[in-house]
Amino acid sequence: MAFVDEATAALYREAWEAWSKQIEHVHRVFLGDERPRPDQLKGLLNREARAKDNYDAARLRLLGLEEATPSLGNPDANPFR
């Protein structure tokens, strides 16, 4: 028996996967051999932060601690375009 409805679970899974993708890239940069230009690093860190915010909102909703729908945007999207 699931604790939450399928839509909430799907939003959580989507947010988790998006954040995992971004944090893996951060790890490749800081713990591996990948060396981006400063502007690319700034973009990477901004995408990771937005993905983490979306994950946190989805997690709170999953736990029933927040009723607002998380804003699950595309963490790869450039908000300045």
Protein backbone atom coordinates (compact mmCIF):
# COMPACT_ATOMS: atom_id res chain seq x y z
CA MET A 1 0.00 0.00 0.00
CA ALA A 2 1.46 3.33 -1.07
CA PHE A 3 1.47 6.26 1.33
CA VAL A 4 0.86 8.84 -1.40
CA ASP A 5 -1.01 9.09 -4.67
CA GLU A 6 0.75 8.14 -7.89
CA ALA A 7 1.01 11.75 -9.15
CA THR A 8 2.89 12.84 -6.02
CA ALA A 9 5.16 9.80 -6.24
CA ALA A 10 5.84 10.50 -9.93
CA LEU A 11 6.74 14.13 -9.18
CA TYR A 12 9.09 12.98 -6.44
CA ARG A 13 10.77 10.41 -8.68
CA GLU A 14 11.18 12.96 -11.48
CA ALA A 15 12.69 15.52 -9.10
CA TRP A 16 15.02 12.91 -7.58
CA GLU A 17 16.28 11.78 -10.99
CA ALA A 18 16.82 15.36 -12.17
CA TRP A 19 18.76 16.29 -9.03
CA SER A 20 20.77 13.05 -9.15
CA LYS A 21 21.80 13.85 -12.72
CA GLN A 22 22.95 17.33 -11.74
CA ILE A 23 24.81 16.25 -8.59
CA GLU A 24 26.62 13.53 -10.56
CA HIS A 25 27.86 16.23 -12.93
CA VAL A 26 29.00 18.36 -9.97
CA HIS A 27 30.90 15.34 -8.66
CA ARG A 28 32.58 14.79 -12.03
CA VAL A 29 33.81 18.38 -11.89
CA PHE A 30 34.91 18.59 -8.25
CA LEU A 31 36.02 15.00 -7.72
CA GLY A 32 37.03 14.03 -11.24
CA ASP A 33 38.95 15.33 -14.20
CA GLU A 34 36.33 17.54 -15.82
CA ARG A 35 37.40 21.20 -15.90
CA PRO A 36 34.70 23.58 -17.20
CA ARG A 37 35.18 27.27 -17.95
CA PRO A 38 34.05 29.63 -15.14
CA ASP A 39 30.79 30.48 -16.92
CA GLN A 40 30.04 26.78 -17.40
CA LEU A 41 30.77 26.10 -13.73
CA LYS A 42 28.39 28.87 -12.68
CA GLY A 43 25.68 27.39 -14.89
CA LEU A 44 26.31 23.91 -13.53
CA LEU A 45 26.02 25.08 -9.93
CA ASN A 46 22.86 27.06 -10.71
CA ARG A 47 21.23 24.04 -12.40
CA GLU A 48 22.15 21.84 -9.44
CA ALA A 49 20.72 24.36 -6.97
CA ARG A 50 17.42 24.63 -8.90
CA ALA A 51 17.18 20.84 -9.18
CA LYS A 52 17.80 20.53 -5.41
CA ASP A 53 15.09 23.12 -4.68
CA ASN A 54 12.64 21.17 -6.85
CA TYR A 55 13.62 17.93 -5.12
CA ASP A 56 13.19 19.49 -1.67
CA ALA A 57 9.70 20.74 -2.60
CA ALA A 58 8.72 17.35 -4.01
CA ARG A 59 10.10 15.59 -0.92
CA LEU A 60 8.08 17.82 1.41
CA ARG A 61 4.96 17.11 -0.62
CA LEU A 62 5.71 13.36 -0.53
CA LEU A 63 6.02 13.54 3.25
CA GLY A 64 2.79 15.53 3.53
CA LEU A 65 4.56 18.53 5.03
CA GLU A 66 3.69 21.00 2.28
CA GLU A 67 0.56 21.23 0.19
CA ALA A 68 1.95 23.46 -2.56
CA THR A 69 2.79 21.73 -5.82
CA PRO A 70 6.54 21.77 -6.41
CA SER A 71 7.70 23.78 -9.41
CA LEU A 72 9.39 21.07 -11.37
CA GLY A 73 11.11 23.01 -14.09
CA ASN A 74 13.82 21.72 -16.35
CA PRO A 75 17.11 22.08 -14.41
CA ASP A 76 18.99 22.07 -17.74
CA ALA A 77 17.01 25.00 -19.08
CA ASN A 78 18.62 28.43 -19.12
CA PRO A 79 16.23 30.86 -17.36
CA PHE A 80 17.91 33.84 -19.05
CA ARG A 81 16.97 32.91 -22.63
